[in-house]
Amino acid sequence: MARGFESKQVEFQQEEAARGRTAPRPALSSEALARRDRRHALELSKTRLRNDLNRASADAHRRMLEQALAAIEGELQALATN
């Protein structure tokens, strides 16, 4: 009985290995990696700014946060068009 289980396990491992070989992910260029990392950082900053904006009470502080949020959204749009 254990022998049958081991055979199935070996068969499963071979199928998994074959599946991994058939669909390799294309390697990203260093420029594409940098763009992806920059987009991720901008999205995190955008989230933080929105949270800060929700808590801000002073008008000057709100305006500053809104300007920063607009700048980040502009950068995200620029990244999307490239």
N, C-alpha and C. Protein backbone atom coordinates (compact mmCIF):
# COMPACT_ATOMS: atom_id res chain seq x y z
N MET A 1 0.82 -1.18 0.00
CA MET A 1 0.00 0.00 0.00
C MET A 1 0.87 1.25 0.00
N ALA A 2 1.91 1.29 0.79
CA ALA A 2 2.78 2.46 0.82
C ALA A 2 3.48 2.65 -0.51
N ARG A 3 3.75 1.57 -1.17
CA ARG A 3 4.42 1.65 -2.46
C ARG A 3 3.54 2.36 -3.49
N GLY A 4 2.26 2.12 -3.50
CA GLY A 4 1.35 2.80 -4.41
C GLY A 4 1.29 4.29 -4.12
N PHE A 5 1.27 4.63 -2.86
CA PHE A 5 1.25 6.04 -2.48
C PHE A 5 2.50 6.76 -2.95
N GLU A 6 3.65 6.11 -2.79
CA GLU A 6 4.90 6.71 -3.23
C GLU A 6 4.91 6.92 -4.74
N SER A 7 4.36 5.96 -5.48
CA SER A 7 4.29 6.09 -6.93
C SER A 7 3.44 7.29 -7.33
N LYS A 8 2.30 7.45 -6.66
CA LYS A 8 1.43 8.60 -6.94
C LYS A 8 2.13 9.91 -6.60
N GLN A 9 2.87 9.91 -5.50
CA GLN A 9 3.60 11.12 -5.09
C GLN A 9 4.65 11.49 -6.12
N VAL A 10 5.38 10.50 -6.61
CA VAL A 10 6.40 10.73 -7.63
C VAL A 10 5.74 11.26 -8.90
N GLU A 11 4.62 10.64 -9.28
CA GLU A 11 3.89 11.09 -10.48
C GLU A 11 3.44 12.54 -10.32
N PHE A 12 2.92 12.88 -9.15
CA PHE A 12 2.47 14.25 -8.87
C PHE A 12 3.64 15.22 -8.97
N GLN A 13 4.77 14.87 -8.41
CA GLN A 13 5.94 15.74 -8.45
C GLN A 13 6.43 15.96 -9.88
N GLN A 14 6.37 14.90 -10.68
CA GLN A 14 6.79 15.04 -12.08
C GLN A 14 5.83 15.95 -12.85
N GLU A 15 4.54 15.81 -12.59
CA GLU A 15 3.56 16.68 -13.26
C GLU A 15 3.76 18.14 -12.85
N GLU A 16 4.01 18.38 -11.58
CA GLU A 16 4.25 19.74 -11.10
C GLU A 16 5.50 20.34 -11.73
N ALA A 17 6.54 19.53 -11.84
CA ALA A 17 7.78 20.02 -12.45
C ALA A 17 7.57 20.33 -13.91
N ALA A 18 6.82 19.48 -14.61
CA ALA A 18 6.54 19.72 -16.03
C ALA A 18 5.68 20.96 -16.20
N ARG A 19 4.74 21.17 -15.33
CA ARG A 19 3.88 22.35 -15.41
C ARG A 19 4.71 23.62 -15.23
N GLY A 20 5.67 23.59 -14.36
CA GLY A 20 6.52 24.76 -14.13
C GLY A 20 7.39 25.07 -15.34
N ARG A 21 7.79 24.06 -16.08
CA ARG A 21 8.63 24.28 -17.25
C ARG A 21 7.85 24.80 -18.44
N THR A 22 6.58 24.48 -18.53
CA THR A 22 5.82 24.85 -19.72
C THR A 22 5.40 26.32 -19.71
N ALA A 23 5.33 26.95 -18.57
CA ALA A 23 4.86 28.32 -18.51
C ALA A 23 5.85 29.22 -17.77
N PRO A 24 7.04 29.42 -18.34
CA PRO A 24 7.98 30.32 -17.65
C PRO A 24 7.52 31.77 -17.77
N ARG A 25 7.78 32.52 -16.75
CA ARG A 25 7.44 33.94 -16.77
C ARG A 25 8.52 34.68 -17.53
N PRO A 26 8.12 35.59 -18.39
CA PRO A 26 9.12 36.35 -19.13
C PRO A 26 9.90 37.26 -18.16
N ALA A 27 11.18 37.32 -18.39
CA ALA A 27 12.02 38.17 -17.55
C ALA A 27 11.76 39.64 -17.89
N LEU A 28 11.63 40.44 -16.88
CA LEU A 28 11.41 41.87 -17.08
C LEU A 28 12.74 42.58 -17.21
N SER A 29 12.77 43.57 -18.06
CA SER A 29 13.99 44.36 -18.21
C SER A 29 14.18 45.19 -16.94
N SER A 30 15.38 45.70 -16.78
CA SER A 30 15.65 46.53 -15.59
C SER A 30 14.78 47.78 -15.62
N GLU A 31 14.50 48.29 -16.81
CA GLU A 31 13.63 49.47 -16.91
C GLU A 31 12.20 49.13 -16.49
N ALA A 32 11.71 47.97 -16.91
CA ALA A 32 10.36 47.56 -16.54
C ALA A 32 10.27 47.31 -15.04
N LEU A 33 11.30 46.72 -14.46
CA LEU A 33 11.33 46.51 -13.02
C LEU A 33 11.32 47.84 -12.26
N ALA A 34 12.09 48.79 -12.75
CA ALA A 34 12.14 50.10 -12.10
C ALA A 34 10.78 50.79 -12.19
N ARG A 35 10.11 50.68 -13.35
CA ARG A 35 8.79 51.28 -13.52
C ARG A 35 7.78 50.63 -12.58
N ARG A 36 7.84 49.30 -12.48
CA ARG A 36 6.93 48.59 -11.59
C ARG A 36 7.16 49.00 -10.13
N ASP A 37 8.42 49.08 -9.73
CA ASP A 37 8.74 49.47 -8.35
C ASP A 37 8.30 50.91 -8.08
N ARG A 38 8.50 51.79 -9.05
CA ARG A 38 8.10 53.20 -8.89
C ARG A 38 6.58 53.30 -8.76
N ARG A 39 5.86 52.55 -9.60
CA ARG A 39 4.39 52.56 -9.55
C ARG A 39 3.91 52.07 -8.19
N HIS A 40 4.54 51.01 -7.69
CA HIS A 40 4.15 50.47 -6.39
C HIS A 40 4.40 51.50 -5.28
N ALA A 41 5.53 52.16 -5.31
CA ALA A 41 5.84 53.18 -4.31
C ALA A 41 4.85 54.34 -4.38
N LEU A 42 4.49 54.74 -5.60
CA LEU A 42 3.53 55.82 -5.76
C LEU A 42 2.15 55.42 -5.24
N GLU A 43 1.75 54.20 -5.48
CA GLU A 43 0.45 53.72 -4.99
C GLU A 43 0.43 53.72 -3.46
N LEU A 44 1.53 53.30 -2.85
CA LEU A 44 1.60 53.33 -1.38
C LEU A 44 1.53 54.76 -0.86
N SER A 45 2.23 55.67 -1.51
CA SER A 45 2.21 57.07 -1.09
C SER A 45 0.81 57.66 -1.26
N LYS A 46 0.15 57.29 -2.34
CA LYS A 46 -1.20 57.78 -2.60
C LYS A 46 -2.16 57.31 -1.50
N THR A 47 -2.03 56.07 -1.10
CA THR A 47 -2.87 55.54 -0.03
C THR A 47 -2.61 56.28 1.28
N ARG A 48 -1.33 56.50 1.58
CA ARG A 48 -0.98 57.21 2.81
C ARG A 48 -1.52 58.64 2.79
N LEU A 49 -1.39 59.31 1.65
CA LEU A 49 -1.88 60.68 1.55
C LEU A 49 -3.39 60.75 1.70
N ARG A 50 -4.11 59.81 1.12
CA ARG A 50 -5.57 59.80 1.27
C ARG A 50 -5.97 59.61 2.73
N ASN A 51 -5.26 58.73 3.42
CA ASN A 51 -5.54 58.53 4.84
C ASN A 51 -5.24 59.79 5.63
N ASP A 52 -4.12 60.44 5.33
CA ASP A 52 -3.77 61.69 6.01
C ASP A 52 -4.80 62.77 5.71
N LEU A 53 -5.27 62.82 4.48
CA LEU A 53 -6.25 63.82 4.08
C LEU A 53 -7.57 63.63 4.83
N ASN A 54 -7.94 62.39 5.05
CA ASN A 54 -9.18 62.12 5.80
C ASN A 54 -9.08 62.58 7.25
N ARG A 55 -7.87 62.60 7.80
CA ARG A 55 -7.69 63.00 9.20
C ARG A 55 -7.32 64.47 9.36
N ALA A 56 -6.94 65.12 8.28
CA ALA A 56 -6.46 66.51 8.37
C ALA A 56 -7.61 67.44 8.74
N SER A 57 -7.29 68.40 9.61
CA SER A 57 -8.32 69.35 10.02
C SER A 57 -7.98 70.78 9.60
N ALA A 58 -6.71 71.12 9.52
CA ALA A 58 -6.31 72.48 9.13
C ALA A 58 -6.41 72.63 7.61
N ASP A 59 -6.97 73.75 7.17
CA ASP A 59 -7.16 73.98 5.74
C ASP A 59 -5.84 73.99 4.97
N ALA A 60 -4.83 74.60 5.52
CA ALA A 60 -3.53 74.66 4.84
C ALA A 60 -2.95 73.26 4.67
N HIS A 61 -3.08 72.46 5.70
CA HIS A 61 -2.58 71.09 5.64
C HIS A 61 -3.35 70.27 4.59
N ARG A 62 -4.67 70.46 4.54
CA ARG A 62 -5.50 69.76 3.55
C ARG A 62 -5.09 70.14 2.13
N ARG A 63 -4.86 71.44 1.90
CA ARG A 63 -4.45 71.90 0.57
C ARG A 63 -3.11 71.29 0.16
N MET A 64 -2.18 71.25 1.11
CA MET A 64 -0.88 70.66 0.84
C MET A 64 -1.01 69.19 0.48
N LEU A 65 -1.83 68.46 1.21
CA LEU A 65 -2.05 67.04 0.94
C LEU A 65 -2.75 66.83 -0.40
N GLU A 66 -3.70 67.69 -0.73
CA GLU A 66 -4.39 67.60 -2.02
C GLU A 66 -3.43 67.85 -3.18
N GLN A 67 -2.52 68.81 -3.01
CA GLN A 67 -1.53 69.09 -4.05
C GLN A 67 -0.58 67.90 -4.22
N ALA A 68 -0.16 67.32 -3.12
CA ALA A 68 0.74 66.17 -3.18
C ALA A 68 0.03 64.98 -3.83
N LEU A 69 -1.24 64.80 -3.50
CA LEU A 69 -2.02 63.72 -4.11
C LEU A 69 -2.18 63.93 -5.61
N ALA A 70 -2.43 65.16 -6.03
CA ALA A 70 -2.54 65.46 -7.46
C ALA A 70 -1.21 65.20 -8.18
N ALA A 71 -0.11 65.54 -7.54
CA ALA A 71 1.21 65.31 -8.15
C ALA A 71 1.47 63.81 -8.33
N ILE A 72 1.12 63.04 -7.33
CA ILE A 72 1.32 61.59 -7.41
C ILE A 72 0.43 60.98 -8.49
N GLU A 73 -0.81 61.44 -8.57
CA GLU A 73 -1.71 60.93 -9.61
C GLU A 73 -1.18 61.29 -11.00
N GLY A 74 -0.57 62.47 -11.13
CA GLY A 74 0.04 62.84 -12.39
C GLY A 74 1.21 61.93 -12.76
N GLU A 75 2.02 61.61 -11.77
CA GLU A 75 3.15 60.70 -12.02
C GLU A 75 2.66 59.31 -12.41
N LEU A 76 1.58 58.85 -11.76
CA LEU A 76 1.03 57.54 -12.10
C LEU A 76 0.50 57.53 -13.54
N GLN A 77 -0.12 58.61 -13.94
CA GLN A 77 -0.62 58.71 -15.32
C GLN A 77 0.55 58.71 -16.30
N ALA A 78 1.61 59.42 -15.96
CA ALA A 78 2.78 59.46 -16.83
C ALA A 78 3.40 58.07 -16.97
N LEU A 79 3.44 57.32 -15.88
CA LEU A 79 3.97 55.95 -15.93
C LEU A 79 3.08 55.05 -16.78
N ALA A 80 1.78 55.28 -16.71
CA ALA A 80 0.85 54.43 -17.45
C ALA A 80 0.95 54.67 -18.96
N THR A 81 1.31 55.87 -19.38
CA THR A 81 1.39 56.18 -20.80
C THR A 81 2.72 55.74 -21.39
N ASN A 82 3.73 55.51 -20.58
CA ASN A 82 5.04 55.08 -21.09
C ASN A 82 5.08 53.64 -21.37
